[in-house]
Amino acid sequence: MAPINPGEAVITKAYNLPNKYVIHCLGPVYGRDKTEKALLANCYKNVLRLAEENKISSIAFPSISTGAFGYPFQKATDISFNTILGELERIRHLQKIKFVLFSEQDLKFYEEKLEKLN
């Protein structure tokens, strides 16, 4: 299935992992892949689309592109939340979205952002 372009996603079996599938997504490299905001949003949209097409009920997201690809964490968080919220009306099968984060500081930032959404 490789190579894929930034913003694209593909799905594979999970093989020996405790879940059924793995959805692979290539996030944009900040400052190099243009337009990185749209590409990052496409990552989340394409992953959610594949999850729906495959009737997946639970998914876990890392903070896409914020590590080695250098996307500023706060900007990436806004894009991920806004994109996911914008896609909710199209979601029928997905019941749980988890965020898997690198640090306690990242978790605190996510919790504060989520609190503001309520």
N, C-alpha and C. Protein backbone atom coordinates (compact mmCIF):
# COMPACT_ATOMS: atom_id res chain seq x y z
N MET A 1 0.81 -1.20 0.00
CA MET A 1 0.00 0.00 0.00
C MET A 1 0.85 1.27 0.00
N ALA A 2 2.13 1.11 0.14
CA ALA A 2 3.02 2.26 0.19
C ALA A 2 3.51 2.58 -1.21
N PRO A 3 3.93 3.74 -1.47
CA PRO A 3 3.91 4.87 -0.52
C PRO A 3 2.56 5.58 -0.54
N ILE A 4 2.28 6.26 0.58
CA ILE A 4 1.11 7.13 0.63
C ILE A 4 1.61 8.56 0.80
N ASN A 5 0.77 9.48 0.46
CA ASN A 5 1.11 10.90 0.56
C ASN A 5 0.62 11.48 1.87
N PRO A 6 1.20 12.60 2.31
CA PRO A 6 0.70 13.24 3.53
C PRO A 6 -0.81 13.49 3.44
N GLY A 7 -1.48 13.15 4.52
CA GLY A 7 -2.93 13.31 4.60
C GLY A 7 -3.71 12.06 4.22
N GLU A 8 -3.04 11.10 3.59
CA GLU A 8 -3.71 9.86 3.18
C GLU A 8 -3.66 8.83 4.31
N ALA A 9 -4.56 7.87 4.23
CA ALA A 9 -4.62 6.78 5.22
C ALA A 9 -4.95 5.48 4.52
N VAL A 10 -4.42 4.40 5.05
CA VAL A 10 -4.73 3.05 4.57
C VAL A 10 -4.98 2.16 5.78
N ILE A 11 -5.70 1.08 5.55
CA ILE A 11 -6.03 0.16 6.63
C ILE A 11 -5.45 -1.21 6.33
N THR A 12 -4.93 -1.86 7.39
CA THR A 12 -4.42 -3.22 7.27
C THR A 12 -4.96 -4.05 8.43
N LYS A 13 -4.78 -5.35 8.32
CA LYS A 13 -5.06 -6.21 9.46
C LYS A 13 -4.10 -5.85 10.58
N ALA A 14 -4.45 -6.20 11.80
CA ALA A 14 -3.59 -5.90 12.95
C ALA A 14 -2.67 -7.07 13.29
N TYR A 15 -2.90 -8.20 12.65
CA TYR A 15 -2.09 -9.41 12.86
C TYR A 15 -2.02 -9.78 14.33
N ASN A 16 -0.88 -9.67 14.99
CA ASN A 16 -0.76 -10.14 16.37
C ASN A 16 -1.10 -9.09 17.43
N LEU A 17 -1.58 -7.96 17.02
CA LEU A 17 -2.00 -6.94 17.97
C LEU A 17 -3.39 -7.30 18.52
N PRO A 18 -3.78 -6.72 19.65
CA PRO A 18 -5.06 -7.10 20.27
C PRO A 18 -6.29 -6.45 19.63
N ASN A 19 -6.14 -5.85 18.48
CA ASN A 19 -7.27 -5.26 17.77
C ASN A 19 -7.35 -5.87 16.38
N LYS A 20 -8.39 -5.54 15.67
CA LYS A 20 -8.64 -6.16 14.37
C LYS A 20 -7.89 -5.48 13.22
N TYR A 21 -7.75 -4.15 13.31
CA TYR A 21 -7.16 -3.37 12.23
C TYR A 21 -6.13 -2.37 12.76
N VAL A 22 -5.29 -1.91 11.85
CA VAL A 22 -4.44 -0.74 12.09
C VAL A 22 -4.68 0.19 10.90
N ILE A 23 -4.97 1.44 11.22
CA ILE A 23 -5.11 2.45 10.17
C ILE A 23 -3.83 3.28 10.20
N HIS A 24 -3.15 3.28 9.07
CA HIS A 24 -1.88 3.99 8.94
C HIS A 24 -2.14 5.31 8.24
N CYS A 25 -1.57 6.38 8.77
CA CYS A 25 -1.75 7.70 8.18
C CYS A 25 -0.41 8.40 8.15
N LEU A 26 -0.15 9.11 7.08
CA LEU A 26 1.08 9.89 6.98
C LEU A 26 0.73 11.35 7.21
N GLY A 27 1.21 11.88 8.33
CA GLY A 27 0.99 13.29 8.63
C GLY A 27 1.97 14.17 7.88
N PRO A 28 1.68 15.46 7.82
CA PRO A 28 2.57 16.39 7.12
C PRO A 28 3.79 16.75 7.96
N VAL A 29 4.88 17.06 7.28
CA VAL A 29 6.05 17.62 7.94
C VAL A 29 5.83 19.13 8.01
N TYR A 30 5.83 19.66 9.22
CA TYR A 30 5.55 21.08 9.42
C TYR A 30 6.61 21.93 8.74
N GLY A 31 6.14 22.91 7.95
CA GLY A 31 7.04 23.81 7.26
C GLY A 31 7.53 23.29 5.92
N ARG A 32 7.27 22.04 5.61
CA ARG A 32 7.70 21.49 4.33
C ARG A 32 6.52 21.08 3.45
N ASP A 33 5.59 20.31 4.01
CA ASP A 33 4.42 19.84 3.25
C ASP A 33 3.33 20.91 3.27
N LYS A 34 2.96 21.39 2.12
CA LYS A 34 1.97 22.47 2.03
C LYS A 34 0.67 21.94 1.45
N THR A 35 -0.43 22.36 1.87
CA THR A 35 -0.70 23.16 3.05
C THR A 35 -0.85 22.22 4.24
N GLU A 36 0.04 22.36 5.21
CA GLU A 36 0.10 21.39 6.30
C GLU A 36 -1.18 21.34 7.13
N LYS A 37 -1.87 22.45 7.30
CA LYS A 37 -3.11 22.44 8.07
C LYS A 37 -4.16 21.55 7.40
N ALA A 38 -4.34 21.71 6.11
CA ALA A 38 -5.32 20.88 5.38
C ALA A 38 -4.88 19.43 5.34
N LEU A 39 -3.59 19.19 5.19
CA LEU A 39 -3.10 17.80 5.16
C LEU A 39 -3.31 17.11 6.51
N LEU A 40 -3.06 17.85 7.60
CA LEU A 40 -3.28 17.25 8.92
C LEU A 40 -4.77 16.97 9.15
N ALA A 41 -5.62 17.88 8.76
CA ALA A 41 -7.06 17.65 8.88
C ALA A 41 -7.47 16.44 8.05
N ASN A 42 -6.89 16.29 6.86
CA ASN A 42 -7.20 15.14 6.02
C ASN A 42 -6.81 13.83 6.67
N CYS A 43 -5.73 13.83 7.44
CA CYS A 43 -5.35 12.62 8.18
C CYS A 43 -6.52 12.15 9.03
N TYR A 44 -7.03 13.05 9.85
CA TYR A 44 -8.13 12.67 10.75
C TYR A 44 -9.39 12.30 9.97
N LYS A 45 -9.72 13.06 8.94
CA LYS A 45 -10.90 12.74 8.13
C LYS A 45 -10.78 11.37 7.47
N ASN A 46 -9.62 11.08 6.90
CA ASN A 46 -9.44 9.81 6.20
C ASN A 46 -9.41 8.63 7.15
N VAL A 47 -8.84 8.82 8.32
CA VAL A 47 -8.87 7.74 9.32
C VAL A 47 -10.31 7.47 9.76
N LEU A 48 -11.05 8.53 10.04
CA LEU A 48 -12.45 8.35 10.45
C LEU A 48 -13.27 7.71 9.35
N ARG A 49 -13.01 8.10 8.11
CA ARG A 49 -13.73 7.49 6.98
C ARG A 49 -13.45 5.99 6.89
N LEU A 50 -12.20 5.61 7.02
CA LEU A 50 -11.85 4.18 6.98
C LEU A 50 -12.45 3.43 8.16
N ALA A 51 -12.47 4.07 9.31
CA ALA A 51 -13.07 3.43 10.49
C ALA A 51 -14.55 3.18 10.24
N GLU A 52 -15.23 4.15 9.68
CA GLU A 52 -16.66 3.99 9.38
C GLU A 52 -16.89 2.91 8.32
N GLU A 53 -16.12 2.95 7.25
CA GLU A 53 -16.28 1.97 6.17
C GLU A 53 -16.09 0.54 6.67
N ASN A 54 -15.26 0.38 7.69
CA ASN A 54 -14.96 -0.95 8.22
C ASN A 54 -15.70 -1.25 9.52
N LYS A 55 -16.66 -0.38 9.85
CA LYS A 55 -17.52 -0.55 11.02
C LYS A 55 -16.73 -0.75 12.31
N ILE A 56 -15.69 0.05 12.46
CA ILE A 56 -14.85 0.01 13.65
C ILE A 56 -15.54 0.81 14.75
N SER A 57 -15.60 0.26 15.95
CA SER A 57 -16.32 0.92 17.03
C SER A 57 -15.41 1.72 17.97
N SER A 58 -14.12 1.49 17.92
CA SER A 58 -13.19 2.18 18.82
C SER A 58 -11.89 2.47 18.07
N ILE A 59 -11.33 3.65 18.33
CA ILE A 59 -10.10 4.03 17.64
C ILE A 59 -9.23 4.83 18.61
N ALA A 60 -7.92 4.77 18.41
CA ALA A 60 -6.98 5.55 19.21
C ALA A 60 -6.13 6.40 18.27
N PHE A 61 -6.01 7.67 18.58
CA PHE A 61 -5.21 8.60 17.80
C PHE A 61 -4.00 9.05 18.60
N PRO A 62 -2.82 9.04 17.99
CA PRO A 62 -1.71 9.78 18.57
C PRO A 62 -1.88 11.25 18.17
N SER A 63 -1.00 12.09 18.64
CA SER A 63 -1.00 13.48 18.20
C SER A 63 -0.19 13.53 16.90
N ILE A 64 -0.89 13.33 15.79
CA ILE A 64 -0.26 13.14 14.48
C ILE A 64 0.64 14.33 14.11
N SER A 65 1.84 14.01 13.68
CA SER A 65 2.84 14.95 13.16
C SER A 65 3.54 15.81 14.21
N THR A 66 3.23 15.67 15.49
CA THR A 66 3.80 16.56 16.50
C THR A 66 5.15 16.08 17.03
N GLY A 67 5.59 14.92 16.64
CA GLY A 67 6.90 14.43 17.07
C GLY A 67 7.97 14.83 16.09
N ALA A 68 8.52 13.85 15.41
CA ALA A 68 9.63 14.06 14.47
C ALA A 68 9.24 14.98 13.31
N PHE A 69 7.94 15.11 13.01
CA PHE A 69 7.51 15.95 11.89
C PHE A 69 7.35 17.42 12.29
N GLY A 70 7.53 17.73 13.57
CA GLY A 70 7.65 19.10 14.03
C GLY A 70 6.42 19.98 14.06
N TYR A 71 5.23 19.39 13.94
CA TYR A 71 4.02 20.22 13.96
C TYR A 71 3.83 20.75 15.39
N PRO A 72 3.63 22.05 15.57
CA PRO A 72 3.41 22.59 16.92
C PRO A 72 2.21 21.91 17.59
N PHE A 73 2.44 21.43 18.79
CA PHE A 73 1.44 20.62 19.49
C PHE A 73 0.10 21.33 19.65
N GLN A 74 0.12 22.58 20.07
CA GLN A 74 -1.14 23.30 20.30
C GLN A 74 -1.93 23.48 18.99
N LYS A 75 -1.24 23.83 17.92
CA LYS A 75 -1.91 23.98 16.63
C LYS A 75 -2.47 22.65 16.15
N ALA A 76 -1.70 21.59 16.30
CA ALA A 76 -2.16 20.27 15.87
C ALA A 76 -3.36 19.82 16.69
N THR A 77 -3.37 20.15 17.97
CA THR A 77 -4.50 19.78 18.83
C THR A 77 -5.78 20.47 18.35
N ASP A 78 -5.68 21.76 18.05
CA ASP A 78 -6.85 22.50 17.55
C ASP A 78 -7.37 21.86 16.26
N ILE A 79 -6.48 21.52 15.36
CA ILE A 79 -6.88 20.91 14.09
C ILE A 79 -7.54 19.56 14.33
N SER A 80 -6.95 18.76 15.19
CA SER A 80 -7.53 17.42 15.44
C SER A 80 -8.92 17.53 16.04
N PHE A 81 -9.08 18.35 17.07
CA PHE A 81 -10.38 18.48 17.72
C PHE A 81 -11.42 19.06 16.75
N ASN A 82 -11.05 20.15 16.05
CA ASN A 82 -12.01 20.77 15.13
C ASN A 82 -12.41 19.82 14.00
N THR A 83 -11.45 19.06 13.51
CA THR A 83 -11.75 18.12 12.42
C THR A 83 -12.65 16.99 12.90
N ILE A 84 -12.30 16.42 14.02
CA ILE A 84 -13.12 15.31 14.57
C ILE A 84 -14.52 15.80 14.88
N LEU A 85 -14.64 16.94 15.52
CA LEU A 85 -15.97 17.49 15.83
C LEU A 85 -16.77 17.75 14.55
N GLY A 86 -16.10 18.22 13.52
CA GLY A 86 -16.76 18.48 12.24
C GLY A 86 -17.22 17.22 11.53
N GLU A 87 -16.62 16.09 11.86
CA GLU A 87 -16.98 14.82 11.22
C GLU A 87 -18.01 14.02 12.01
N LEU A 88 -18.34 14.43 13.22
CA LEU A 88 -19.21 13.64 14.10
C LEU A 88 -20.56 13.28 13.46
N GLU A 89 -21.13 14.19 12.71
CA GLU A 89 -22.46 13.92 12.14
C GLU A 89 -22.43 12.78 11.11
N ARG A 90 -21.25 12.47 10.57
CA ARG A 90 -21.12 11.38 9.58
C ARG A 90 -20.76 10.04 10.24
N ILE A 91 -20.49 10.07 11.52
CA ILE A 91 -20.04 8.86 12.21
C ILE A 91 -21.25 8.08 12.72
N ARG A 92 -21.30 6.82 12.34
CA ARG A 92 -22.40 5.94 12.77
C ARG A 92 -21.91 4.76 13.61
N HIS A 93 -20.75 4.23 13.29
CA HIS A 93 -20.27 3.02 13.95
C HIS A 93 -19.29 3.29 15.08
N LEU A 94 -18.53 4.32 14.95
CA LEU A 94 -17.50 4.65 15.93
C LEU A 94 -18.15 5.14 17.21
N GLN A 95 -17.82 4.47 18.32
CA GLN A 95 -18.41 4.81 19.61
C GLN A 95 -17.40 5.41 20.58
N LYS A 96 -16.12 5.12 20.38
CA LYS A 96 -15.10 5.60 21.31
C LYS A 96 -13.87 6.08 20.54
N ILE A 97 -13.44 7.28 20.89
CA ILE A 97 -12.20 7.83 20.35
C ILE A 97 -11.27 8.08 21.52
N LYS A 98 -10.09 7.47 21.48
CA LYS A 98 -9.08 7.67 22.51
C LYS A 98 -7.94 8.49 21.92
N PHE A 99 -7.30 9.27 22.78
CA PHE A 99 -6.11 10.00 22.38
C PHE A 99 -4.94 9.45 23.19
N VAL A 100 -3.90 9.04 22.49
CA VAL A 100 -2.71 8.47 23.11
C VAL A 100 -1.62 9.51 22.99
N LEU A 101 -1.19 10.04 24.13
CA LEU A 101 -0.30 11.19 24.13
C LEU A 101 1.06 10.86 24.73
N PHE A 102 2.04 11.70 24.44
CA PHE A 102 3.43 11.46 24.80
C PHE A 102 3.74 11.75 26.26
N SER A 103 3.13 12.79 26.83
CA SER A 103 3.52 13.22 28.17
C SER A 103 2.31 13.63 29.00
N GLU A 104 2.56 13.78 30.30
CA GLU A 104 1.53 14.28 31.21
C GLU A 104 1.15 15.71 30.83
N GLN A 105 2.12 16.49 30.39
CA GLN A 105 1.86 17.86 29.97
C GLN A 105 0.93 17.89 28.75
N ASP A 106 1.15 16.99 27.81
CA ASP A 106 0.26 16.88 26.65
C ASP A 106 -1.15 16.50 27.09
N LEU A 107 -1.24 15.55 28.00
CA LEU A 107 -2.54 15.12 28.51
C LEU A 107 -3.26 16.29 29.17
N LYS A 108 -2.55 17.05 29.98
CA LYS A 108 -3.17 18.20 30.66
C LYS A 108 -3.71 19.20 29.63
N PHE A 109 -2.94 19.46 28.59
CA PHE A 109 -3.39 20.38 27.55
C PHE A 109 -4.67 19.86 26.88
N TYR A 110 -4.70 18.56 26.55
CA TYR A 110 -5.90 17.96 25.94
C TYR A 110 -7.09 18.07 26.89
N GLU A 111 -6.88 17.78 28.15
CA GLU A 111 -7.98 17.85 29.12
C GLU A 111 -8.54 19.26 29.22
N GLU A 112 -7.64 20.26 29.22
CA GLU A 112 -8.09 21.65 29.28
C GLU A 112 -8.88 22.03 28.03
N LYS A 113 -8.41 21.59 26.89
CA LYS A 113 -9.12 21.86 25.62
C LYS A 113 -10.50 21.20 25.63
N LEU A 114 -10.56 19.95 26.06
CA LEU A 114 -11.84 19.24 26.11
C LEU A 114 -12.80 19.90 27.08
N GLU A 115 -12.28 20.37 28.19
CA GLU A 115 -13.12 21.05 29.19
C GLU A 115 -13.77 22.30 28.58
N LYS A 116 -13.01 23.02 27.77
CA LYS A 116 -13.53 24.23 27.12
C LYS A 116 -14.62 23.90 26.10
N LEU A 117 -14.60 22.70 25.55
CA LEU A 117 -15.62 22.30 24.59
C LEU A 117 -16.96 22.02 25.24
N ASN A 118 -16.94 21.70 26.53
CA ASN A 118 -18.19 21.39 27.25
C ASN A 118 -18.92 22.61 27.61
